[in-house]
Amino acid sequence: ALACPEFSVPCMADTGLVLFAVRGGGAYTTPLFR
């Protein structure tokens, strides 16, 4: 689990993301502040 409060991606509206993964289960992201 990796939280990046100042990170943003052009195709996503939010600044601040939580990225996470389980081995063999893929990687995902969700907004940090909502």
Full PDB file with SEQRES, HELIX, SHEET, SSBOND, CRYST1, ORIGX, SCALE, CONECT and MASTER records, all heavy atoms in Angstrom:
SEQRES   1 A   34  ALA LEU ALA CYS PRO GLU PHE SER VAL PRO CYS MET ALA          
SEQRES   2 A   34  ASP THR GLY LEU VAL LEU PHE ALA VAL ARG GLY GLY GLY          
SEQRES   3 A   34  ALA TYR THR THR PRO LEU PHE ARG                              
SHEET    1 AA1 3 LEU A   2  SER A   8  0                                        
SHEET    2 AA1 3 THR A  15  ALA A  21 -1                                        
SHEET    3 AA1 3 ALA A  27  PRO A  31 -1                                        
CRYST1    1.000    1.000    1.000  90.00  90.00  90.00 P 1           1          
ORIGX1      1.000000  0.000000  0.000000        0.00000                         
ORIGX2      0.000000  1.000000  0.000000        0.00000                         
ORIGX3      0.000000  0.000000  1.000000        0.00000                         
SCALE1      1.000000  0.000000  0.000000        0.00000                         
SCALE2      0.000000  1.000000  0.000000        0.00000                         
SCALE3      0.000000  0.000000  1.000000        0.00000                         
ATOM      1  N   ALA A   1       0.860  -1.181   0.000  1.00  0.00           N  
ATOM      2  CA  ALA A   1       0.000   0.000   0.000  1.00  0.00           C  
ATOM      3  C   ALA A   1       0.895   1.229   0.000  1.00  0.00           C  
ATOM      4  O   ALA A   1       1.851   1.309   0.776  1.00  0.00           O  
ATOM      5  CB  ALA A   1      -0.927   0.006   1.211  1.00  0.00           C  
ATOM      6  N   LEU A   2       0.592   2.164  -0.862  1.00  0.00           N  
ATOM      7  CA  LEU A   2       1.418   3.356  -1.049  1.00  0.00           C  
ATOM      8  C   LEU A   2       0.503   4.568  -1.174  1.00  0.00           C  
ATOM      9  O   LEU A   2      -0.303   4.653  -2.095  1.00  0.00           O  
ATOM     10  CB  LEU A   2       2.255   3.194  -2.323  1.00  0.00           C  
ATOM     11  CG  LEU A   2       3.282   4.258  -2.667  1.00  0.00           C  
ATOM     12  CD1 LEU A   2       4.428   4.237  -1.664  1.00  0.00           C  
ATOM     13  CD2 LEU A   2       3.817   4.034  -4.081  1.00  0.00           C  
ATOM     14  N   ALA A   3       0.629   5.498  -0.224  1.00  0.00           N  
ATOM     15  CA  ALA A   3      -0.175   6.721  -0.263  1.00  0.00           C  
ATOM     16  C   ALA A   3       0.712   7.879  -0.712  1.00  0.00           C  
ATOM     17  O   ALA A   3       1.778   8.113  -0.134  1.00  0.00           O  
ATOM     18  CB  ALA A   3      -0.770   7.017   1.104  1.00  0.00           C  
ATOM     19  N   CYS A   4       0.281   8.590  -1.731  1.00  0.00           N  
ATOM     20  CA  CYS A   4       1.042   9.720  -2.295  1.00  0.00           C  
ATOM     21  C   CYS A   4       0.150  10.962  -2.275  1.00  0.00           C  
ATOM     22  O   CYS A   4      -0.604  11.205  -3.237  1.00  0.00           O  
ATOM     23  CB  CYS A   4       1.475   9.399  -3.715  1.00  0.00           C  
ATOM     24  SG  CYS A   4       2.493   7.912  -3.889  1.00  0.00           S  
ATOM     25  N   PRO A   5       0.229  11.767  -1.213  1.00  0.00           N  
ATOM     26  CA  PRO A   5      -0.704  12.893  -1.055  1.00  0.00           C  
ATOM     27  C   PRO A   5      -0.597  13.982  -2.115  1.00  0.00           C  
ATOM     28  O   PRO A   5      -1.566  14.717  -2.333  1.00  0.00           O  
ATOM     29  CB  PRO A   5      -0.340  13.442   0.330  1.00  0.00           C  
ATOM     30  CG  PRO A   5       0.237  12.274   1.059  1.00  0.00           C  
ATOM     31  CD  PRO A   5       1.010  11.528   0.010  1.00  0.00           C  
ATOM     32  N   GLU A   6       0.557  14.128  -2.781  1.00  0.00           N  
ATOM     33  CA  GLU A   6       0.734  15.194  -3.768  1.00  0.00           C  
ATOM     34  C   GLU A   6       0.781  14.673  -5.201  1.00  0.00           C  
ATOM     35  O   GLU A   6       1.019  15.441  -6.124  1.00  0.00           O  
ATOM     36  CB  GLU A   6       2.018  15.972  -3.467  1.00  0.00           C  
ATOM     37  CG  GLU A   6       2.043  16.646  -2.109  1.00  0.00           C  
ATOM     38  CD  GLU A   6       0.959  17.700  -1.952  1.00  0.00           C  
ATOM     39  OE1 GLU A   6       0.566  18.314  -2.972  1.00  0.00           O  
ATOM     40  OE2 GLU A   6       0.483  17.900  -0.816  1.00  0.00           O  
ATOM     41  N   PHE A   7       0.516  13.390  -5.382  1.00  0.00           N  
ATOM     42  CA  PHE A   7       0.649  12.789  -6.709  1.00  0.00           C  
ATOM     43  C   PHE A   7      -0.673  12.852  -7.464  1.00  0.00           C  
ATOM     44  O   PHE A   7      -1.747  12.633  -6.899  1.00  0.00           O  
ATOM     45  CB  PHE A   7       1.092  11.331  -6.590  1.00  0.00           C  
ATOM     46  CG  PHE A   7       1.404  10.680  -7.910  1.00  0.00           C  
ATOM     47  CD1 PHE A   7       2.573  10.978  -8.577  1.00  0.00           C  
ATOM     48  CD2 PHE A   7       0.512   9.785  -8.483  1.00  0.00           C  
ATOM     49  CE1 PHE A   7       2.863  10.373  -9.801  1.00  0.00           C  
ATOM     50  CE2 PHE A   7       0.793   9.183  -9.694  1.00  0.00           C  
ATOM     51  CZ  PHE A   7       1.980   9.481 -10.356  1.00  0.00           C  
ATOM     52  N   SER A   8      -0.581  13.151  -8.744  1.00  0.00           N  
ATOM     53  CA  SER A   8      -1.774  13.183  -9.599  1.00  0.00           C  
ATOM     54  C   SER A   8      -1.430  12.620 -10.962  1.00  0.00           C  
ATOM     55  O   SER A   8      -0.265  12.573 -11.364  1.00  0.00           O  
ATOM     56  CB  SER A   8      -2.317  14.605  -9.742  1.00  0.00           C  
ATOM     57  OG  SER A   8      -1.347  15.451 -10.336  1.00  0.00           O  
ATOM     58  N   VAL A   9      -2.433  12.171 -11.660  1.00  0.00           N  
ATOM     59  CA  VAL A   9      -2.305  11.620 -13.002  1.00  0.00           C  
ATOM     60  C   VAL A   9      -3.226  12.411 -13.916  1.00  0.00           C  
ATOM     61  O   VAL A   9      -4.369  12.704 -13.530  1.00  0.00           O  
ATOM     62  CB  VAL A   9      -2.693  10.121 -13.016  1.00  0.00           C  
ATOM     63  CG1 VAL A   9      -2.583   9.538 -14.411  1.00  0.00           C  
ATOM     64  CG2 VAL A   9      -1.804   9.344 -12.052  1.00  0.00           C  
ATOM     65  N   PRO A  10      -2.758  12.794 -15.108  1.00  0.00           N  
ATOM     66  CA  PRO A  10      -3.581  13.636 -15.987  1.00  0.00           C  
ATOM     67  C   PRO A  10      -4.990  13.122 -16.236  1.00  0.00           C  
ATOM     68  O   PRO A  10      -5.935  13.903 -16.335  1.00  0.00           O  
ATOM     69  CB  PRO A  10      -2.759  13.664 -17.284  1.00  0.00           C  
ATOM     70  CG  PRO A  10      -1.345  13.500 -16.834  1.00  0.00           C  
ATOM     71  CD  PRO A  10      -1.418  12.562 -15.665  1.00  0.00           C  
ATOM     72  N   CYS A  11      -5.163  11.794 -16.313  1.00  0.00           N  
ATOM     73  CA  CYS A  11      -6.492  11.245 -16.621  1.00  0.00           C  
ATOM     74  C   CYS A  11      -7.380  11.105 -15.392  1.00  0.00           C  
ATOM     75  O   CYS A  11      -8.527  10.669 -15.504  1.00  0.00           O  
ATOM     76  CB  CYS A  11      -6.355   9.898 -17.319  1.00  0.00           C  
ATOM     77  SG  CYS A  11      -5.554   8.627 -16.311  1.00  0.00           S  
ATOM     78  N   MET A  12      -6.847  11.458 -14.197  1.00  0.00           N  
ATOM     79  CA  MET A  12      -7.629  11.370 -12.970  1.00  0.00           C  
ATOM     80  C   MET A  12      -7.811  12.756 -12.369  1.00  0.00           C  
ATOM     81  O   MET A  12      -6.900  13.585 -12.413  1.00  0.00           O  
ATOM     82  CB  MET A  12      -6.947  10.442 -11.955  1.00  0.00           C  
ATOM     83  CG  MET A  12      -6.793   9.016 -12.431  1.00  0.00           C  
ATOM     84  SD  MET A  12      -5.963   7.960 -11.182  1.00  0.00           S  
ATOM     85  CE  MET A  12      -5.820   6.415 -12.088  1.00  0.00           C  
ATOM     86  N   ALA A  13      -8.968  13.007 -11.793  1.00  0.00           N  
ATOM     87  CA  ALA A  13      -9.277  14.341 -11.284  1.00  0.00           C  
ATOM     88  C   ALA A  13      -8.585  14.656  -9.967  1.00  0.00           C  
ATOM     89  O   ALA A  13      -8.346  15.820  -9.644  1.00  0.00           O  
ATOM     90  CB  ALA A  13     -10.793  14.488 -11.120  1.00  0.00           C  
ATOM     91  N   ASP A  14      -8.265  13.626  -9.192  1.00  0.00           N  
ATOM     92  CA  ASP A  14      -7.786  13.842  -7.828  1.00  0.00           C  
ATOM     93  C   ASP A  14      -6.282  14.058  -7.748  1.00  0.00           C  
ATOM     94  O   ASP A  14      -5.511  13.414  -8.454  1.00  0.00           O  
ATOM     95  CB  ASP A  14      -8.142  12.641  -6.951  1.00  0.00           C  
ATOM     96  CG  ASP A  14      -9.640  12.482  -6.770  1.00  0.00           C  
ATOM     97  OD1 ASP A  14     -10.272  11.840  -7.639  1.00  0.00           O  
ATOM     98  OD2 ASP A  14     -10.153  12.997  -5.782  1.00  0.00           O  
ATOM     99  N   THR A  15      -5.867  14.950  -6.842  1.00  0.00           N  
ATOM    100  CA  THR A  15      -4.494  15.001  -6.366  1.00  0.00           C  
ATOM    101  C   THR A  15      -4.475  14.300  -5.020  1.00  0.00           C  
ATOM    102  O   THR A  15      -5.228  14.663  -4.117  1.00  0.00           O  
ATOM    103  CB  THR A  15      -4.004  16.447  -6.212  1.00  0.00           C  
ATOM    104  OG1 THR A  15      -3.959  17.073  -7.502  1.00  0.00           O  
ATOM    105  CG2 THR A  15      -2.611  16.483  -5.592  1.00  0.00           C  
ATOM    106  N   GLY A  16      -3.620  13.304  -4.906  1.00  0.00           N  
ATOM    107  CA  GLY A  16      -3.600  12.469  -3.710  1.00  0.00           C  
ATOM    108  C   GLY A  16      -4.217  11.125  -4.006  1.00  0.00           C  
ATOM    109  O   GLY A  16      -5.433  11.010  -4.208  1.00  0.00           O  
ATOM    110  N   LEU A  17      -3.357  10.084  -4.067  1.00  0.00           N  
ATOM    111  CA  LEU A  17      -3.825   8.745  -4.418  1.00  0.00           C  
ATOM    112  C   LEU A  17      -3.290   7.713  -3.433  1.00  0.00           C  
ATOM    113  O   LEU A  17      -2.224   7.899  -2.842  1.00  0.00           O  
ATOM    114  CB  LEU A  17      -3.362   8.360  -5.828  1.00  0.00           C  
ATOM    115  CG  LEU A  17      -3.856   9.210  -7.000  1.00  0.00           C  
ATOM    116  CD1 LEU A  17      -3.175   8.743  -8.288  1.00  0.00           C  
ATOM    117  CD2 LEU A  17      -5.362   9.135  -7.129  1.00  0.00           C  
ATOM    118  N   VAL A  18      -4.044   6.634  -3.265  1.00  0.00           N  
ATOM    119  CA  VAL A  18      -3.557   5.434  -2.591  1.00  0.00           C  
ATOM    120  C   VAL A  18      -3.452   4.348  -3.651  1.00  0.00           C  
ATOM    121  O   VAL A  18      -4.434   4.055  -4.342  1.00  0.00           O  
ATOM    122  CB  VAL A  18      -4.494   4.974  -1.459  1.00  0.00           C  
ATOM    123  CG1 VAL A  18      -3.961   3.688  -0.826  1.00  0.00           C  
ATOM    124  CG2 VAL A  18      -4.639   6.053  -0.406  1.00  0.00           C  
ATOM    125  N   LEU A  19      -2.273   3.798  -3.808  1.00  0.00           N  
ATOM    126  CA  LEU A  19      -2.048   2.703  -4.745  1.00  0.00           C  
ATOM    127  C   LEU A  19      -1.822   1.438  -3.928  1.00  0.00           C  
ATOM    128  O   LEU A  19      -1.176   1.478  -2.876  1.00  0.00           O  
ATOM    129  CB  LEU A  19      -0.833   2.977  -5.633  1.00  0.00           C  
ATOM    130  CG  LEU A  19      -0.870   4.260  -6.478  1.00  0.00           C  
ATOM    131  CD1 LEU A  19      -0.292   5.442  -5.684  1.00  0.00           C  
ATOM    132  CD2 LEU A  19      -0.100   4.094  -7.770  1.00  0.00           C  
ATOM    133  N   PHE A  20      -2.311   0.292  -4.418  1.00  0.00           N  
ATOM    134  CA  PHE A  20      -2.183  -0.927  -3.636  1.00  0.00           C  
ATOM    135  C   PHE A  20      -2.179  -2.156  -4.536  1.00  0.00           C  
ATOM    136  O   PHE A  20      -2.619  -2.106  -5.694  1.00  0.00           O  
ATOM    137  CB  PHE A  20      -3.286  -1.025  -2.581  1.00  0.00           C  
ATOM    138  CG  PHE A  20      -4.687  -0.925  -3.124  1.00  0.00           C  
ATOM    139  CD1 PHE A  20      -5.386  -2.068  -3.503  1.00  0.00           C  
ATOM    140  CD2 PHE A  20      -5.325   0.303  -3.246  1.00  0.00           C  
ATOM    141  CE1 PHE A  20      -6.686  -1.993  -3.993  1.00  0.00           C  
ATOM    142  CE2 PHE A  20      -6.619   0.390  -3.730  1.00  0.00           C  
ATOM    143  CZ  PHE A  20      -7.304  -0.748  -4.105  1.00  0.00           C  
ATOM    144  N   ALA A  21      -1.665  -3.239  -3.982  1.00  0.00           N  
ATOM    145  CA  ALA A  21      -1.570  -4.483  -4.754  1.00  0.00           C  
ATOM    146  C   ALA A  21      -1.420  -5.671  -3.829  1.00  0.00           C  
ATOM    147  O   ALA A  21      -0.900  -5.556  -2.720  1.00  0.00           O  
ATOM    148  CB  ALA A  21      -0.375  -4.424  -5.710  1.00  0.00           C  
ATOM    149  N   VAL A  22      -1.891  -6.814  -4.292  1.00  0.00           N  
ATOM    150  CA  VAL A  22      -1.622  -8.115  -3.704  1.00  0.00           C  
ATOM    151  C   VAL A  22      -0.953  -8.947  -4.786  1.00  0.00           C  
ATOM    152  O   VAL A  22      -1.377  -8.910  -5.954  1.00  0.00           O  
ATOM    153  CB  VAL A  22      -2.913  -8.813  -3.224  1.00  0.00           C  
ATOM    154  CG1 VAL A  22      -2.631 -10.245  -2.808  1.00  0.00           C  
ATOM    155  CG2 VAL A  22      -3.543  -8.051  -2.080  1.00  0.00           C  
ATOM    156  N   ARG A  23       0.096  -9.662  -4.424  1.00  0.00           N  
ATOM    157  CA  ARG A  23       0.797 -10.468  -5.429  1.00  0.00           C  
ATOM    158  C   ARG A  23      -0.176 -11.424  -6.117  1.00  0.00           C  
ATOM    159  O   ARG A  23      -0.885 -12.185  -5.480  1.00  0.00           O  
ATOM    160  CB  ARG A  23       1.941 -11.250  -4.789  1.00  0.00           C  
ATOM    161  CG  ARG A  23       2.740 -12.099  -5.794  1.00  0.00           C  
ATOM    162  CD  ARG A  23       4.041 -12.580  -5.222  1.00  0.00           C  
ATOM    163  NE  ARG A  23       4.955 -11.475  -4.957  1.00  0.00           N  
ATOM    164  CZ  ARG A  23       5.729 -10.886  -5.888  1.00  0.00           C  
ATOM    165  NH1 ARG A  23       5.674 -11.301  -7.146  1.00  0.00           N  
ATOM    166  NH2 ARG A  23       6.529  -9.888  -5.551  1.00  0.00           N  
ATOM    167  N   GLY A  24      -0.210 -11.348  -7.426  1.00  0.00           N  
ATOM    168  CA  GLY A  24      -1.095 -12.182  -8.220  1.00  0.00           C  
ATOM    169  C   GLY A  24      -2.490 -11.621  -8.389  1.00  0.00           C  
ATOM    170  O   GLY A  24      -3.318 -12.212  -9.092  1.00  0.00           O  
ATOM    171  N   GLY A  25      -2.761 -10.464  -7.774  1.00  0.00           N  
ATOM    172  CA  GLY A  25      -4.119  -9.907  -7.830  1.00  0.00           C  
ATOM    173  C   GLY A  25      -4.249  -8.587  -8.557  1.00  0.00           C  
ATOM    174  O   GLY A  25      -5.321  -7.971  -8.562  1.00  0.00           O  
ATOM    175  N   GLY A  26      -3.171  -8.107  -9.180  1.00  0.00           N  
ATOM    176  CA  GLY A  26      -3.235  -6.838  -9.891  1.00  0.00           C  
ATOM    177  C   GLY A  26      -2.986  -5.652  -8.978  1.00  0.00           C  
ATOM    178  O   GLY A  26      -2.882  -5.785  -7.758  1.00  0.00           O  
ATOM    179  N   ALA A  27      -2.869  -4.477  -9.585  1.00  0.00           N  
ATOM    180  CA  ALA A  27      -2.634  -3.235  -8.849  1.00  0.00           C  
ATOM    181  C   ALA A  27      -3.776  -2.268  -9.110  1.00  0.00           C  
ATOM    182  O   ALA A  27      -4.342  -2.230 -10.211  1.00  0.00           O  
ATOM    183  CB  ALA A  27      -1.306  -2.605  -9.275  1.00  0.00           C  
ATOM    184  N   TYR A  28      -4.094  -1.473  -8.096  1.00  0.00           N  
ATOM    185  CA  TYR A  28      -5.245  -0.584  -8.168  1.00  0.00           C  
ATOM    186  C   TYR A  28      -4.925   0.741  -7.486  1.00  0.00           C  
ATOM    187  O   TYR A  28      -3.966   0.851  -6.716  1.00  0.00           O  
ATOM    188  CB  TYR A  28      -6.459  -1.230  -7.484  1.00  0.00           C  
ATOM    189  CG  TYR A  28      -6.907  -2.504  -8.143  1.00  0.00           C  
ATOM    190  CD1 TYR A  28      -6.283  -3.720  -7.860  1.00  0.00           C  
ATOM    191  CD2 TYR A  28      -7.938  -2.495  -9.072  1.00  0.00           C  
ATOM    192  CE1 TYR A  28      -6.682  -4.891  -8.479  1.00  0.00           C  
ATOM    193  CE2 TYR A  28      -8.343  -3.669  -9.700  1.00  0.00           C  
ATOM    194  CZ  TYR A  28      -7.710  -4.860  -9.401  1.00  0.00           C  
ATOM    195  OH  TYR A  28      -8.100  -6.012 -10.025  1.00  0.00           O  
ATOM    196  N   THR A  29      -5.763   1.728  -7.753  1.00  0.00           N  
ATOM    197  CA  THR A  29      -5.625   3.011  -7.080  1.00  0.00           C  
ATOM    198  C   THR A  29      -6.993   3.574  -6.740  1.00  0.00           C  
ATOM    199  O   THR A  29      -8.001   3.254  -7.403  1.00  0.00           O  
ATOM    200  CB  THR A  29      -4.845   4.024  -7.945  1.00  0.00           C  
ATOM    201  OG1 THR A  29      -4.610   5.210  -7.178  1.00  0.00           O  
ATOM    202  CG2 THR A  29      -5.628   4.408  -9.203  1.00  0.00           C  
ATOM    203  N   THR A  30      -7.005   4.392  -5.707  1.00  0.00           N  
ATOM    204  CA  THR A  30      -8.230   5.059  -5.277  1.00  0.00           C  
ATOM    205  C   THR A  30      -7.836   6.419  -4.710  1.00  0.00           C  
ATOM    206  O   THR A  30      -6.698   6.590  -4.245  1.00  0.00           O  
ATOM    207  CB  THR A  30      -8.966   4.207  -4.222  1.00  0.00           C  
ATOM    208  OG1 THR A  30     -10.253   4.763  -3.959  1.00  0.00           O  
ATOM    209  CG2 THR A  30      -8.187   4.133  -2.929  1.00  0.00           C  
ATOM    210  N   PRO A  31      -8.711   7.419  -4.744  1.00  0.00           N  
ATOM    211  CA  PRO A  31      -8.353   8.723  -4.186  1.00  0.00           C  
ATOM    212  C   PRO A  31      -8.041   8.631  -2.698  1.00  0.00           C  
ATOM    213  O   PRO A  31      -8.645   7.840  -1.971  1.00  0.00           O  
ATOM    214  CB  PRO A  31      -9.606   9.568  -4.434  1.00  0.00           C  
ATOM    215  CG  PRO A  31     -10.292   8.917  -5.591  1.00  0.00           C  
ATOM    216  CD  PRO A  31     -10.033   7.446  -5.412  1.00  0.00           C  
ATOM    217  N   LEU A  32      -7.104   9.459  -2.267  1.00  0.00           N  
ATOM    218  CA  LEU A  32      -6.725   9.480  -0.860  1.00  0.00           C  
ATOM    219  C   LEU A  32      -7.752  10.216  -0.009  1.00  0.00           C  
ATOM    220  O   LEU A  32      -8.062   9.788   1.103  1.00  0.00           O  
ATOM    221  CB  LEU A  32      -5.354  10.155  -0.709  1.00  0.00           C  
ATOM    222  CG  LEU A  32      -4.871  10.453   0.719  1.00  0.00           C  
ATOM    223  CD1 LEU A  32      -4.742   9.176   1.539  1.00  0.00           C  
ATOM    224  CD2 LEU A  32      -3.534  11.206   0.669  1.00  0.00           C  
ATOM    225  N   PHE A  33      -8.289  11.312  -0.521  1.00  0.00           N  
ATOM    226  CA  PHE A  33      -9.071  12.218   0.317  1.00  0.00           C  
ATOM    227  C   PHE A  33     -10.586  12.083   0.158  1.00  0.00           C  
ATOM    228  O   PHE A  33     -11.340  12.866   0.722  1.00  0.00           O  
ATOM    229  CB  PHE A  33      -8.660  13.672   0.033  1.00  0.00           C  
ATOM    230  CG  PHE A  33      -7.214  13.950   0.346  1.00  0.00           C  
ATOM    231  CD1 PHE A  33      -6.299  14.154  -0.681  1.00  0.00           C  
ATOM    232  CD2 PHE A  33      -6.765  13.985   1.653  1.00  0.00           C  
ATOM    233  CE1 PHE A  33      -4.962  14.410  -0.401  1.00  0.00           C  
ATOM    234  CE2 PHE A  33      -5.428  14.233   1.949  1.00  0.00           C  
ATOM    235  CZ  PHE A  33      -4.530  14.454   0.917  1.00  0.00           C  
ATOM    236  N   ARG A  34     -11.036  11.090  -0.608  1.00  0.00           N  
ATOM    237  CA  ARG A  34     -12.478  10.858  -0.720  1.00  0.00           C  
ATOM    238  C   ARG A  34     -12.718   9.386  -1.023  1.00  0.00           C  
ATOM    239  O   ARG A  34     -11.826   8.673  -1.493  1.00  0.00           O  
ATOM    240  CB  ARG A  34     -13.099  11.738  -1.813  1.00  0.00           C  
ATOM    241  CG  ARG A  34     -12.648  11.403  -3.220  1.00  0.00           C  
ATOM    242  CD  ARG A  34     -13.287  12.320  -4.251  1.00  0.00           C  
ATOM    243  NE  ARG A  34     -12.823  11.986  -5.607  1.00  0.00           N  
ATOM    244  CZ  ARG A  34     -13.430  11.109  -6.415  1.00  0.00           C  
ATOM    245  NH1 ARG A  34     -14.518  10.468  -6.002  1.00  0.00           N  
ATOM    246  NH2 ARG A  34     -12.956  10.866  -7.630  1.00  0.00           N  
TER     247      ARG A  34                                                      
MASTER        0    0    0    0    3    0    0    6  246    1    0    3          
END                                                                             
